[in-house]
PDB file of N, CA and C in Angstrom:
ATOM      1  N   UNK A   1     -31.021-161.507 -73.884  1.00  0.00           N
ATOM      2  CA  UNK A   1     -30.873-161.561 -76.178  1.00  0.00           C
ATOM      3  C   UNK A   1     -29.407-160.780 -76.176  1.00  0.00           C
ATOM      4  N   UNK A   2     -28.677-161.787 -77.134  1.00  0.00           N
ATOM      5  CA  UNK A   2     -27.574-161.181 -77.958  1.00  0.00           C
ATOM      6  C   UNK A   2     -27.855-160.013 -78.737  1.00  0.00           C
ATOM      7  N   UNK A   3     -27.065-158.727 -78.809  1.00  0.00           N
ATOM      8  CA  UNK A   3     -27.400-157.560 -79.676  1.00  0.00           C
ATOM      9  C   UNK A   3     -26.269-157.911 -80.785  1.00  0.00           C
ATOM     10  N   UNK A   4     -27.190-157.695 -82.283  1.00  0.00           N
ATOM     11  CA  UNK A   4     -26.052-157.469 -83.128  1.00  0.00           C
ATOM     12  C   UNK A   4     -26.159-156.335 -83.804  1.00  0.00           C
ATOM     13  N   UNK A   5     -25.423-155.632 -84.316  1.00  0.00           N
ATOM     14  CA  UNK A   5     -25.117-154.546 -85.243  1.00  0.00           C
ATOM     15  C   UNK A   5     -24.862-154.810 -86.252  1.00  0.00           C
ATOM     16  N   UNK A   6     -25.832-154.152 -87.568  1.00  0.00           N
ATOM     17  CA  UNK A   6     -25.719-154.894 -88.568  1.00  0.00           C
ATOM     18  C   UNK A   6     -25.766-153.392 -89.404  1.00  0.00           C
ATOM     19  N   UNK A   7     -24.119-152.999 -90.704  1.00  0.00           N
ATOM     20  CA  UNK A   7     -24.262-151.748 -91.220  1.00  0.00           C
ATOM     21  C   UNK A   7     -23.701-152.435 -92.214  1.00  0.00           C
ATOM     22  N   UNK A   8     -24.419-151.424 -93.169  1.00  0.00           N
ATOM     23  CA  UNK A   8     -24.529-151.712 -94.649  1.00  0.00           C
ATOM     24  C   UNK A   8     -25.342-150.521 -94.989  1.00  0.00           C
ATOM     25  N   UNK A   9     -24.503-149.952 -95.974  1.00  0.00           N
ATOM     26  CA  UNK A   9     -25.346-148.967 -96.665  1.00  0.00           C
ATOM     27  C   UNK A   9     -26.063-149.536 -97.569  1.00  0.00           C
ATOM     28  N   UNK A  10     -26.911-150.560 -98.204  1.00  0.00           N
ATOM     29  CA  UNK A  10     -27.688-151.104 -99.296  1.00  0.00           C
ATOM     30  C   UNK A  10     -28.781-151.611 -98.322  1.00  0.00           C
ATOM     31  N   UNK A  11     -30.096-150.554 -98.059  1.00  0.00           N
ATOM     32  CA  UNK A  11     -31.155-150.455 -97.464  1.00  0.00           C
ATOM     33  C   UNK A  11     -31.749-152.047 -97.472  1.00  0.00           C
ATOM     34  N   UNK A  12     -32.271-152.829 -98.477  1.00  0.00           N
ATOM     35  CA  UNK A  12     -32.427-154.305 -98.454  1.00  0.00           C
ATOM     36  C   UNK A  12     -31.130-155.062 -98.163  1.00  0.00           C
ATOM     37  N   UNK A  13     -30.635-154.971 -98.117  1.00  0.00           N
ATOM     38  CA  UNK A  13     -30.035-156.294 -97.371  1.00  0.00           C
ATOM     39  C   UNK A  13     -29.568-155.686 -95.573  1.00  0.00           C
ATOM     40  N   UNK A  14     -29.120-154.418 -95.051  1.00  0.00           N
ATOM     41  CA  UNK A  14     -29.975-153.946 -93.804  1.00  0.00           C
ATOM     42  C   UNK A  14     -30.941-154.558 -93.212  1.00  0.00           C
ATOM     43  N   UNK A  15     -31.907-154.806 -94.122  1.00  0.00           N
ATOM     44  CA  UNK A  15     -33.105-154.981 -93.345  1.00  0.00           C
ATOM     45  C   UNK A  15     -33.453-156.234 -93.376  1.00  0.00           C
ATOM     46  N   UNK A  16     -32.538-157.249 -94.869  1.00  0.00           N
ATOM     47  CA  UNK A  16     -33.323-158.728 -94.502  1.00  0.00           C
ATOM     48  C   UNK A  16     -32.428-159.287 -94.024  1.00  0.00           C
ATOM     49  N   UNK A  17     -30.791-158.891 -93.157  1.00  0.00           N
ATOM     50  CA  UNK A  17     -30.309-158.879 -92.248  1.00  0.00           C
ATOM     51  C   UNK A  17     -30.631-158.911 -91.200  1.00  0.00           C
ATOM     52  N   UNK A  18     -31.583-157.778 -90.904  1.00  0.00           N
ATOM     53  CA  UNK A  18     -32.440-157.621 -89.419  1.00  0.00           C
ATOM     54  C   UNK A  18     -33.685-158.434 -88.814  1.00  0.00           C
ATOM     55  N   UNK A  19     -34.062-158.679 -90.587  1.00  0.00           N
ATOM     56  CA  UNK A  19     -35.685-159.485 -89.935  1.00  0.00           C
ATOM     57  C   UNK A  19     -35.090-160.850 -89.612  1.00  0.00           C
ATOM     58  N   UNK A  20     -33.842-161.069 -90.839  1.00  0.00           N
ATOM     59  CA  UNK A  20     -32.877-162.846 -90.134  1.00  0.00           C
ATOM     60  C   UNK A  20     -32.826-162.772 -88.783  1.00  0.00           C
ATOM     61  N   UNK A  21     -31.801-162.090 -88.386  1.00  0.00           N
ATOM     62  CA  UNK A  21     -31.904-162.158 -87.401  1.00  0.00           C
ATOM     63  C   UNK A  21     -32.834-161.888 -85.993  1.00  0.00           C
ATOM     64  N   UNK A  22     -33.709-160.639 -86.165  1.00  0.00           N
ATOM     65  CA  UNK A  22     -34.404-161.163 -85.182  1.00  0.00           C
ATOM     66  C   UNK A  22     -35.402-162.387 -85.149  1.00  0.00           C
ATOM     67  N   UNK A  23     -35.864-162.849 -85.489  1.00  0.00           N
ATOM     68  CA  UNK A  23     -36.313-163.530 -85.995  1.00  0.00           C
ATOM     69  C   UNK A  23     -35.966-165.185 -85.339  1.00  0.00           C
ATOM     70  N   UNK A  24     -34.614-164.844 -85.141  1.00  0.00           N
ATOM     71  CA  UNK A  24     -33.763-166.212 -84.705  1.00  0.00           C
ATOM     72  C   UNK A  24     -33.134-165.384 -83.204  1.00  0.00           C
ATOM     73  N   UNK A  25     -34.140-164.961 -82.473  1.00  0.00           N
ATOM     74  CA  UNK A  25     -34.038-163.818 -81.232  1.00  0.00           C
ATOM     75  C   UNK A  25     -33.136-163.564 -80.947  1.00  0.00           C
ATOM     76  N   UNK A  26     -32.062-162.298 -81.770  1.00  0.00           N
ATOM     77  CA  UNK A  26     -31.041-161.713 -82.068  1.00  0.00           C
ATOM     78  C   UNK A  26     -32.014-160.071 -81.688  1.00  0.00           C
ATOM     79  N   UNK A  27     -31.506-159.433 -80.492  1.00  0.00           N
ATOM     80  CA  UNK A  27     -31.892-157.871 -81.077  1.00  0.00           C
ATOM     81  C   UNK A  27     -30.971-157.427 -82.284  1.00  0.00           C
ATOM     82  N   UNK A  28     -31.735-156.720 -82.946  1.00  0.00           N
ATOM     83  CA  UNK A  28     -30.549-155.660 -83.772  1.00  0.00           C
ATOM     84  C   UNK A  28     -30.676-154.363 -83.624  1.00  0.00           C
ATOM     85  N   UNK A  29     -29.713-153.530 -83.737  1.00  0.00           N
ATOM     86  CA  UNK A  29     -29.770-152.092 -84.453  1.00  0.00           C
ATOM     87  C   UNK A  29     -28.945-152.296 -85.806  1.00  0.00           C
ATOM     88  N   UNK A  30     -29.143-151.057 -86.577  1.00  0.00           N
ATOM     89  CA  UNK A  30     -28.889-150.982 -88.140  1.00  0.00           C
ATOM     90  C   UNK A  30     -28.179-149.703 -88.193  1.00  0.00           C
ATOM     91  N   UNK A  31     -27.148-149.568 -89.165  1.00  0.00           N
ATOM     92  CA  UNK A  31     -26.019-148.231 -89.403  1.00  0.00           C
ATOM     93  C   UNK A  31     -26.221-148.130 -91.003  1.00  0.00           C
ATOM     94  N   UNK A  32     -26.165-147.571 -91.363  1.00  0.00           N
ATOM     95  CA  UNK A  32     -25.413-146.986 -92.777  1.00  0.00           C
ATOM     96  C   UNK A  32     -24.329-147.001 -92.642  1.00  0.00           C
ATOM     97  N   UNK A  33     -23.976-146.484 -92.442  1.00  0.00           N
ATOM     98  CA  UNK A  33     -22.277-146.506 -92.521  1.00  0.00           C
ATOM     99  C   UNK A  33     -21.610-146.806 -91.245  1.00  0.00           C
ATOM    100  N   UNK A  34     -19.872-146.876 -91.553  1.00  0.00           N
ATOM    101  CA  UNK A  34     -19.558-146.680 -89.802  1.00  0.00           C
ATOM    102  C   UNK A  34     -19.469-145.661 -89.485  1.00  0.00           C
ATOM    103  N   UNK A  35     -19.405-144.492 -90.110  1.00  0.00           N
ATOM    104  CA  UNK A  35     -19.584-143.098 -88.853  1.00  0.00           C
ATOM    105  C   UNK A  35     -21.062-143.208 -88.149  1.00  0.00           C
ATOM    106  N   UNK A  36     -22.049-143.694 -88.437  1.00  0.00           N
ATOM    107  CA  UNK A  36     -23.023-143.987 -87.782  1.00  0.00           C
ATOM    108  C   UNK A  36     -22.843-145.307 -86.589  1.00  0.00           C
ATOM    109  N   UNK A  37     -22.037-146.099 -87.150  1.00  0.00           N
ATOM    110  CA  UNK A  37     -21.897-147.603 -86.513  1.00  0.00           C
ATOM    111  C   UNK A  37     -21.264-146.881 -84.981  1.00  0.00           C
ATOM    112  N   UNK A  38     -20.271-146.301 -85.337  1.00  0.00           N
ATOM    113  CA  UNK A  38     -19.529-145.879 -83.896  1.00  0.00           C
ATOM    114  C   UNK A  38     -19.962-144.857 -83.298  1.00  0.00           C
ATOM    115  N   UNK A  39     -20.752-144.081 -83.420  1.00  0.00           N
ATOM    116  CA  UNK A  39     -21.951-143.119 -82.880  1.00  0.00           C
ATOM    117  C   UNK A  39     -22.946-143.794 -81.919  1.00  0.00           C
ATOM    118  N   UNK A  40     -23.507-145.024 -82.830  1.00  0.00           N
ATOM    119  CA  UNK A  40     -24.271-145.829 -82.012  1.00  0.00           C
ATOM    120  C   UNK A  40     -23.714-147.093 -81.144  1.00  0.00           C
ATOM    121  N   UNK A  41     -22.580-147.085 -81.119  1.00  0.00           N
ATOM    122  CA  UNK A  41     -21.677-148.325 -80.302  1.00  0.00           C
ATOM    123  C   UNK A  41     -21.467-147.351 -79.145  1.00  0.00           C
ATOM    124  N   UNK A  42     -21.849-146.239 -78.446  1.00  0.00           N
ATOM    125  CA  UNK A  42     -20.710-145.348 -77.824  1.00  0.00           C
ATOM    126  C   UNK A  42     -21.878-145.143 -76.859  1.00  0.00           C
ATOM    127  N   UNK A  43     -23.474-145.726 -77.016  1.00  0.00           N
ATOM    128  CA  UNK A  43     -24.558-145.863 -75.977  1.00  0.00           C
ATOM    129  C   UNK A  43     -25.034-146.947 -75.992  1.00  0.00           C
ATOM    130  N   UNK A  44     -24.812-148.005 -76.728  1.00  0.00           N
ATOM    131  CA  UNK A  44     -25.545-149.012 -77.340  1.00  0.00           C
ATOM    132  C   UNK A  44     -24.722-150.136 -77.307  1.00  0.00           C
ATOM    133  N   UNK A  45     -24.421-150.774 -76.123  1.00  0.00           N
ATOM    134  CA  UNK A  45     -23.439-152.540 -75.923  1.00  0.00           C
ATOM    135  C   UNK A  45     -23.873-153.116 -77.016  1.00  0.00           C
ATOM    136  N   UNK A  46     -23.130-153.916 -78.021  1.00  0.00           N
ATOM    137  CA  UNK A  46     -23.293-154.821 -78.679  1.00  0.00           C
ATOM    138  C   UNK A  46     -22.663-155.784 -78.482  1.00  0.00           C
ATOM    139  N   UNK A  47     -22.893-157.230 -79.140  1.00  0.00           N
ATOM    140  CA  UNK A  47     -21.767-158.435 -79.076  1.00  0.00           C
ATOM    141  C   UNK A  47     -21.351-159.041 -80.389  1.00  0.00           C
ATOM    142  N   UNK A  48     -22.033-158.247 -81.141  1.00  0.00           N
ATOM    143  CA  UNK A  48     -21.047-158.356 -82.452  1.00  0.00           C
ATOM    144  C   UNK A  48     -21.493-157.655 -83.546  1.00  0.00           C
ATOM    145  N   UNK A  49     -20.998-157.161 -84.338  1.00  0.00           N
ATOM    146  CA  UNK A  49     -21.292-156.504 -85.297  1.00  0.00           C
ATOM    147  C   UNK A  49     -20.962-157.041 -87.199  1.00  0.00           C
ATOM    148  N   UNK A  50     -22.273-157.143 -87.847  1.00  0.00           N
ATOM    149  CA  UNK A  50     -21.360-157.736 -89.161  1.00  0.00           C
ATOM    150  C   UNK A  50     -21.941-156.315 -90.192  1.00  0.00           C
ATOM    151  N   UNK A  51     -20.783-156.038 -90.670  1.00  0.00           N
ATOM    152  CA  UNK A  51     -20.362-154.830 -91.363  1.00  0.00           C
ATOM    153  C   UNK A  51     -19.580-155.490 -93.098  1.00  0.00           C
ATOM    154  N   UNK A  52     -20.947-154.357 -93.524  1.00  0.00           N
ATOM    155  CA  UNK A  52     -20.469-154.614 -95.162  1.00  0.00           C
ATOM    156  C   UNK A  52     -18.988-153.602 -95.226  1.00  0.00           C
ATOM    157  N   UNK A  53     -17.884-153.986 -96.611  1.00  0.00           N
ATOM    158  CA  UNK A  53     -16.458-153.481 -96.456  1.00  0.00           C
ATOM    159  C   UNK A  53     -16.977-151.967 -97.284  1.00  0.00           C
ATOM    160  N   UNK A  54     -17.469-152.137 -98.260  1.00  0.00           N
ATOM    161  CA  UNK A  54     -17.839-150.971 -98.945  1.00  0.00           C
ATOM    162  C   UNK A  54     -19.085-150.175 -99.020  1.00  0.00           C
ATOM    163  N   UNK A  55     -18.891-148.923 -98.275  1.00  0.00           N
ATOM    164  CA  UNK A  55     -19.780-147.830 -97.741  1.00  0.00           C
ATOM    165  C   UNK A  55     -18.982-146.508 -98.213  1.00  0.00           C
ATOM    166  N   UNK A  56     -20.256-145.609 -98.077  1.00  0.00           N
ATOM    167  CA  UNK A  56     -20.109-144.263 -98.323  1.00  0.00           C
ATOM    168  C   UNK A  56     -19.726-144.238 -96.867  1.00  0.00           C
ATOM    169  N   UNK A  57     -18.777-142.617 -96.760  1.00  0.00           N
ATOM    170  CA  UNK A  57     -18.512-142.112 -95.530  1.00  0.00           C
ATOM    171  C   UNK A  57     -17.230-142.362 -94.567  1.00  0.00           C
ATOM    172  N   UNK A  58     -17.239-143.969 -94.031  1.00  0.00           N
ATOM    173  CA  UNK A  58     -16.637-144.244 -93.078  1.00  0.00           C
ATOM    174  C   UNK A  58     -16.661-145.969 -94.111  1.00  0.00           C
ATOM    175  N   UNK A  59     -15.492-146.625 -94.467  1.00  0.00           N
ATOM    176  CA  UNK A  59     -15.932-147.715 -94.908  1.00  0.00           C
ATOM    177  C   UNK A  59     -15.884-149.010 -94.024  1.00  0.00           C
ATOM    178  N   UNK A  60     -16.080-150.148 -94.223  1.00  0.00           N
ATOM    179  CA  UNK A  60     -15.822-151.305 -93.207  1.00  0.00           C
ATOM    180  C   UNK A  60     -14.681-151.502 -92.918  1.00  0.00           C
ATOM    181  N   UNK A  61     -13.371-151.454 -93.679  1.00  0.00           N
ATOM    182  CA  UNK A  61     -11.819-151.253 -93.022  1.00  0.00           C
ATOM    183  C   UNK A  61     -11.736-151.099 -91.884  1.00  0.00           C
ATOM    184  N   UNK A  62     -12.209-149.379 -91.778  1.00  0.00           N
ATOM    185  CA  UNK A  62     -11.920-148.165 -91.416  1.00  0.00           C
ATOM    186  C   UNK A  62     -12.760-148.861 -89.563  1.00  0.00           C
ATOM    187  N   UNK A  63     -14.221-148.969 -90.080  1.00  0.00           N
ATOM    188  CA  UNK A  63     -14.925-149.243 -88.901  1.00  0.00           C
ATOM    189  C   UNK A  63     -14.277-150.507 -87.838  1.00  0.00           C
ATOM    190  N   UNK A  64     -13.686-151.782 -88.941  1.00  0.00           N
ATOM    191  CA  UNK A  64     -12.600-152.737 -88.145  1.00  0.00           C
ATOM    192  C   UNK A  64     -11.547-152.409 -87.393  1.00  0.00           C
ATOM    193  N   UNK A  65     -11.254-150.990 -87.698  1.00  0.00           N
ATOM    194  CA  UNK A  65      -9.905-150.988 -87.067  1.00  0.00           C
ATOM    195  C   UNK A  65     -10.695-150.154 -86.191  1.00  0.00           C
ATOM    196  N   UNK A  66     -11.233-149.328 -86.066  1.00  0.00           N
ATOM    197  CA  UNK A  66     -11.858-148.376 -84.875  1.00  0.00           C
ATOM    198  C   UNK A  66     -12.387-149.114 -83.407  1.00  0.00           C
ATOM    199  N   UNK A  67     -13.129-150.066 -83.744  1.00  0.00           N
ATOM    200  CA  UNK A  67     -14.266-150.779 -83.612  1.00  0.00           C
ATOM    201  C   UNK A  67     -13.213-151.598 -82.574  1.00  0.00           C
ATOM    202  N   UNK A  68     -12.079-152.440 -83.142  1.00  0.00           N
ATOM    203  CA  UNK A  68     -11.212-153.371 -82.523  1.00  0.00           C
ATOM    204  C   UNK A  68     -10.382-152.395 -81.883  1.00  0.00           C
ATOM    205  N   UNK A  69      -9.928-150.932 -81.713  1.00  0.00           N
ATOM    206  CA  UNK A  69      -9.200-150.607 -80.927  1.00  0.00           C
ATOM    207  C   UNK A  69     -10.237-150.149 -79.574  1.00  0.00           C
ATOM    208  N   UNK A  70     -11.302-149.482 -79.887  1.00  0.00           N
ATOM    209  CA  UNK A  70     -11.955-149.139 -78.584  1.00  0.00           C
ATOM    210  C   UNK A  70     -12.825-150.109 -77.979  1.00  0.00           C
ATOM    211  N   UNK A  71     -13.456-151.203 -78.576  1.00  0.00           N
ATOM    212  CA  UNK A  71     -14.343-152.432 -78.002  1.00  0.00           C
ATOM    213  C   UNK A  71     -13.676-153.669 -78.268  1.00  0.00           C
ATOM    214  N   UNK A  72     -12.569-154.419 -78.249  1.00  0.00           N
ATOM    215  CA  UNK A  72     -11.534-155.207 -78.674  1.00  0.00           C
ATOM    216  C   UNK A  72     -12.869-156.017 -78.286  1.00  0.00           C
ATOM    217  N   UNK A  73     -14.004-155.998 -77.354  1.00  0.00           N
ATOM    218  CA  UNK A  73     -14.234-157.567 -77.156  1.00  0.00           C
ATOM    219  C   UNK A  73     -15.041-157.674 -77.814  1.00  0.00           C
ATOM    220  N   UNK A  74     -15.827-157.085 -78.696  1.00  0.00           N
ATOM    221  CA  UNK A  74     -17.158-157.088 -79.971  1.00  0.00           C
ATOM    222  C   UNK A  74     -16.490-157.813 -81.000  1.00  0.00           C
ATOM    223  N   UNK A  75     -16.774-158.753 -81.256  1.00  0.00           N
ATOM    224  CA  UNK A  75     -16.490-159.638 -82.407  1.00  0.00           C
ATOM    225  C   UNK A  75     -17.167-159.218 -83.746  1.00  0.00           C
ATOM    226  N   UNK A  76     -16.714-159.840 -84.587  1.00  0.00           N
ATOM    227  CA  UNK A  76     -16.935-158.353 -86.317  1.00  0.00           C
ATOM    228  C   UNK A  76     -16.906-159.993 -87.340  1.00  0.00           C
ATOM    229  N   UNK A  77     -17.935-159.681 -88.102  1.00  0.00           N
ATOM    230  CA  UNK A  77     -17.982-160.515 -89.421  1.00  0.00           C
ATOM    231  C   UNK A  77     -18.287-158.976 -90.266  1.00  0.00           C
ATOM    232  N   UNK A  78     -17.034-159.226 -91.442  1.00  0.00           N
ATOM    233  CA  UNK A  78     -17.317-158.562 -92.652  1.00  0.00           C
ATOM    234  C   UNK A  78     -17.576-159.307 -93.540  1.00  0.00           C
ATOM    235  N   UNK A  79     -18.383-158.094 -94.595  1.00  0.00           N
ATOM    236  CA  UNK A  79     -19.110-158.955 -95.370  1.00  0.00           C
ATOM    237  C   UNK A  79     -19.057-157.923 -97.106  1.00  0.00           C
ATOM    238  N   UNK A  80     -18.918-158.507 -98.064  1.00  0.00           N
ATOM    239  CA  UNK A  80     -18.409-157.849 -98.996  1.00  0.00           C
ATOM    240  C   UNK A  80     -19.050-159.159-100.396  1.00  0.00           C
ATOM    241  N   UNK A  81     -19.478-157.965-101.641  1.00  0.00           N
ATOM    242  CA  UNK A  81     -20.114-159.009-102.650  1.00  0.00           C
ATOM    243  C   UNK A  81     -19.755-158.068-103.744  1.00  0.00           C
ATOM    244  N   UNK A  82     -20.140-158.573-105.111  1.00  0.00           N
ATOM    245  CA  UNK A  82     -20.455-158.188-106.230  1.00  0.00           C
ATOM    246  C   UNK A  82     -18.859-158.623-106.846  1.00  0.00           C
ATOM    247  N   UNK A  83     -18.658-157.449-108.171  1.00  0.00           N
ATOM    248  CA  UNK A  83     -17.766-158.454-108.882  1.00  0.00           C
ATOM    249  C   UNK A  83     -16.963-157.058-108.689  1.00  0.00           C
ATOM    250  N   UNK A  84     -16.285-156.683-107.675  1.00  0.00           N
ATOM    251  CA  UNK A  84     -15.225-155.693-107.457  1.00  0.00           C
ATOM    252  C   UNK A  84     -14.185-156.126-107.623  1.00  0.00           C
ATOM    253  N   UNK A  85     -13.133-155.171-108.059  1.00  0.00           N
ATOM    254  CA  UNK A  85     -12.023-156.190-108.365  1.00  0.00           C
ATOM    255  C   UNK A  85     -11.214-156.067-106.803  1.00  0.00           C
ATOM    256  N   UNK A  86     -10.384-156.967-106.615  1.00  0.00           N
ATOM    257  CA  UNK A  86      -9.627-157.137-105.389  1.00  0.00           C
ATOM    258  C   UNK A  86     -10.669-157.568-104.316  1.00  0.00           C
ATOM    259  N   UNK A  87     -11.701-158.047-104.344  1.00  0.00           N
ATOM    260  CA  UNK A  87     -12.816-158.650-102.971  1.00  0.00           C
ATOM    261  C   UNK A  87     -12.354-159.168-102.332  1.00  0.00           C
ATOM    262  N   UNK A  88     -11.476-160.473-102.833  1.00  0.00           N
ATOM    263  CA  UNK A  88     -10.248-161.234-101.719  1.00  0.00           C
ATOM    264  C   UNK A  88      -9.466-160.719-101.177  1.00  0.00           C
ATOM    265  N   UNK A  89      -8.689-159.491-102.040  1.00  0.00           N
ATOM    266  CA  UNK A  89      -7.692-158.548-101.109  1.00  0.00           C
ATOM    267  C   UNK A  89      -8.480-157.783 -99.772  1.00  0.00           C
ATOM    268  N   UNK A  90      -9.784-157.779-100.453  1.00  0.00           N
ATOM    269  CA  UNK A  90     -10.308-156.727 -99.044  1.00  0.00           C
ATOM    270  C   UNK A  90     -10.735-157.656 -98.025  1.00  0.00           C
ATOM    271  N   UNK A  91     -11.379-159.011 -98.045  1.00  0.00           N
ATOM    272  CA  UNK A  91     -11.949-159.573 -97.146  1.00  0.00           C
ATOM    273  C   UNK A  91     -10.373-160.257 -96.645  1.00  0.00           C
ATOM    274  N   UNK A  92      -9.578-160.382 -97.251  1.00  0.00           N
ATOM    275  CA  UNK A  92      -8.336-160.857 -96.688  1.00  0.00           C
ATOM    276  C   UNK A  92      -7.605-159.896 -95.271  1.00  0.00           C
ATOM    277  N   UNK A  93      -7.899-158.422 -95.809  1.00  0.00           N
ATOM    278  CA  UNK A  93      -7.758-156.955 -95.393  1.00  0.00           C
ATOM    279  C   UNK A  93      -8.117-157.343 -94.234  1.00  0.00           C
ATOM    280  N   UNK A  94      -9.999-157.195 -94.086  1.00  0.00           N
ATOM    281  CA  UNK A  94     -10.800-157.185 -92.992  1.00  0.00           C
ATOM    282  C   UNK A  94     -10.132-158.526 -91.816  1.00  0.00           C
ATOM    283  N   UNK A  95      -9.875-159.583 -92.365  1.00  0.00           N
ATOM    284  CA  UNK A  95      -9.704-160.594 -91.360  1.00  0.00           C
ATOM    285  C   UNK A  95      -8.517-160.029 -90.706  1.00  0.00           C
ATOM    286  N   UNK A  96      -7.174-159.672 -91.221  1.00  0.00           N
ATOM    287  CA  UNK A  96      -6.030-159.535 -90.960  1.00  0.00           C
ATOM    288  C   UNK A  96      -6.273-157.765 -89.655  1.00  0.00           C
ATOM    289  N   UNK A  97      -7.100-157.196 -90.353  1.00  0.00           N
ATOM    290  CA  UNK A  97      -7.212-156.183 -89.442  1.00  0.00           C
ATOM    291  C   UNK A  97      -8.203-156.338 -88.334  1.00  0.00           C
ATOM    292  N   UNK A  98      -9.149-157.336 -88.215  1.00  0.00           N
ATOM    293  CA  UNK A  98      -9.184-157.476 -86.827  1.00  0.00           C
ATOM    294  C   UNK A  98     -10.647-158.188 -87.007  1.00  0.00           C
ATOM    295  N   UNK A  99     -11.375-158.535 -88.169  1.00  0.00           N
ATOM    296  CA  UNK A  99     -12.366-159.078 -88.150  1.00  0.00           C
ATOM    297  C   UNK A  99     -12.307-160.852 -87.582  1.00  0.00           C
ATOM    298  N   UNK A 100     -13.148-161.207 -87.180  1.00  0.00           N
ATOM    299  CA  UNK A 100     -13.181-162.515 -86.318  1.00  0.00           C
ATOM    300  C   UNK A 100     -13.363-163.389 -87.678  1.00  0.00           C
ATOM    301  N   UNK A 101     -14.232-162.920 -88.719  1.00  0.00           N
ATOM    302  CA  UNK A 101     -14.587-164.309 -90.095  1.00  0.00           C
ATOM    303  C   UNK A 101     -15.180-163.192 -90.754  1.00  0.00           C
ATOM    304  N   UNK A 102     -15.096-163.745 -91.882  1.00  0.00           N
ATOM    305  CA  UNK A 102     -15.260-162.721 -93.212  1.00  0.00           C
ATOM    306  C   UNK A 102     -16.175-164.133 -94.044  1.00  0.00           C
ATOM    307  N   UNK A 103     -17.514-162.952 -94.742  1.00  0.00           N
ATOM    308  CA  UNK A 103     -17.931-163.800 -95.698  1.00  0.00           C
ATOM    309  C   UNK A 103     -18.911-162.982 -97.225  1.00  0.00           C
ATOM    310  N   UNK A 104     -18.277-164.021 -98.095  1.00  0.00           N
ATOM    311  CA  UNK A 104     -18.731-163.617 -99.541  1.00  0.00           C
ATOM    312  C   UNK A 104     -20.184-163.075 -99.815  1.00  0.00           C
ATOM    313  N   UNK A 105     -20.462-161.580 -99.812  1.00  0.00           N
ATOM    314  CA  UNK A 105     -21.997-161.949-100.602  1.00  0.00           C
ATOM    315  C   UNK A 105     -21.844-162.650-101.859  1.00  0.00           C
ATOM    316  N   UNK A 106     -23.018-163.846-102.417  1.00  0.00           N
ATOM    317  CA  UNK A 106     -24.397-163.577-101.889  1.00  0.00           C
ATOM    318  C   UNK A 106     -23.717-164.829-100.751  1.00  0.00           C
ATOM    319  N   UNK A 107     -23.931-164.752 -99.955  1.00  0.00           N
ATOM    320  CA  UNK A 107     -23.930-165.629 -98.731  1.00  0.00           C
ATOM    321  C   UNK A 107     -25.301-166.500 -98.384  1.00  0.00           C
ATOM    322  N   UNK A 108     -25.241-168.033 -97.702  1.00  0.00           N
ATOM    323  CA  UNK A 108     -26.585-168.185 -97.643  1.00  0.00           C
ATOM    324  C   UNK A 108     -27.188-168.531 -96.235  1.00  0.00           C
ATOM    325  N   UNK A 109     -28.529-168.041 -95.417  1.00  0.00           N
ATOM    326  CA  UNK A 109     -29.381-167.432 -94.463  1.00  0.00           C
ATOM    327  C   UNK A 109     -27.778-168.260 -93.407  1.00  0.00           C
ATOM    328  N   UNK A 110     -28.009-169.869 -93.456  1.00  0.00           N
ATOM    329  CA  UNK A 110     -28.138-170.767 -92.879  1.00  0.00           C
ATOM    330  C   UNK A 110     -26.506-170.437 -92.632  1.00  0.00           C
ATOM    331  N   UNK A 111     -25.502-170.133 -93.071  1.00  0.00           N
ATOM    332  CA  UNK A 111     -24.209-169.865 -93.105  1.00  0.00           C
ATOM    333  C   UNK A 111     -23.882-168.285 -92.116  1.00  0.00           C
ATOM    334  N   UNK A 112     -24.107-167.538 -93.055  1.00  0.00           N
ATOM    335  CA  UNK A 112     -24.343-166.351 -91.505  1.00  0.00           C
ATOM    336  C   UNK A 112     -24.531-166.774 -90.314  1.00  0.00           C
ATOM    337  N   UNK A 113     -26.132-167.519 -90.072  1.00  0.00           N
ATOM    338  CA  UNK A 113     -26.636-167.398 -88.662  1.00  0.00           C
ATOM    339  C   UNK A 113     -25.631-168.240 -87.878  1.00  0.00           C
ATOM    340  N   UNK A 114     -25.137-169.601 -88.826  1.00  0.00           N
ATOM    341  CA  UNK A 114     -24.330-170.553 -87.954  1.00  0.00           C
ATOM    342  C   UNK A 114     -23.206-169.414 -87.765  1.00  0.00           C
ATOM    343  N   UNK A 115     -22.357-168.835 -88.211  1.00  0.00           N
ATOM    344  CA  UNK A 115     -21.166-167.657 -88.123  1.00  0.00           C
ATOM    345  C   UNK A 115     -21.443-166.737 -86.774  1.00  0.00           C
ATOM    346  N   UNK A 116     -22.350-166.668 -86.989  1.00  0.00           N
ATOM    347  CA  UNK A 116     -23.077-165.423 -85.784  1.00  0.00           C
ATOM    348  C   UNK A 116     -23.065-166.683 -84.413  1.00  0.00           C
ATOM    349  N   UNK A 117     -23.966-167.528 -84.216  1.00  0.00           N
ATOM    350  CA  UNK A 117     -24.119-168.323 -83.052  1.00  0.00           C
ATOM    351  C   UNK A 117     -22.683-168.565 -82.546  1.00  0.00           C
ATOM    352  N   UNK A 118     -21.566-168.950 -83.669  1.00  0.00           N
ATOM    353  CA  UNK A 118     -20.140-169.737 -83.267  1.00  0.00           C
ATOM    354  C   UNK A 118     -19.363-168.376 -82.371  1.00  0.00           C
ATOM    355  N   UNK A 119     -19.711-167.233 -82.989  1.00  0.00           N
ATOM    356  CA  UNK A 119     -18.766-166.060 -83.041  1.00  0.00           C
ATOM    357  C   UNK A 119     -19.654-165.728 -81.366  1.00  0.00           C
ATOM    358  N   UNK A 120     -20.854-165.446 -81.070  1.00  0.00           N
ATOM    359  CA  UNK A 120     -21.270-164.869 -80.029  1.00  0.00           C
ATOM    360  C   UNK A 120     -21.040-166.495 -78.862  1.00  0.00           C
ATOM    361  N   UNK A 121     -20.655-167.453 -79.486  1.00  0.00           N
ATOM    362  CA  UNK A 121     -20.639-168.394 -78.073  1.00  0.00           C
ATOM    363  C   UNK A 121     -19.237-168.627 -77.405  1.00  0.00           C
ATOM    364  N   UNK A 122     -18.919-168.193 -78.400  1.00  0.00           N
ATOM    365  CA  UNK A 122     -17.112-167.666 -78.071  1.00  0.00           C
ATOM    366  C   UNK A 122     -16.954-167.724 -76.523  1.00  0.00           C
TER     367      UNK A 122
END
């Protein structure tokens, strides 16, 4: 079964994504921030990372850069939302720095699942 690492500081988002992915036959590991995610990656091989961009300790952009340097084969979906100023700039930056896809919150379950399937099957 493909394994996905979900990185988000929002408990509700993390659990919702974990549940949705597990129901669609993915193994899921969760992390609250980029520091926890990079620690988990050292001992847990994953096929894909879904990471929020705005988090405490280590934000998504930093996490993307580090993951692409250390694990260039791992696909990454960057997610972000809210009414933050510069959201579209953050998503564009994530894409330029290594995210394979970006999704603006709120996104539809089908949109996320299709993106996950596409990236894991590339």
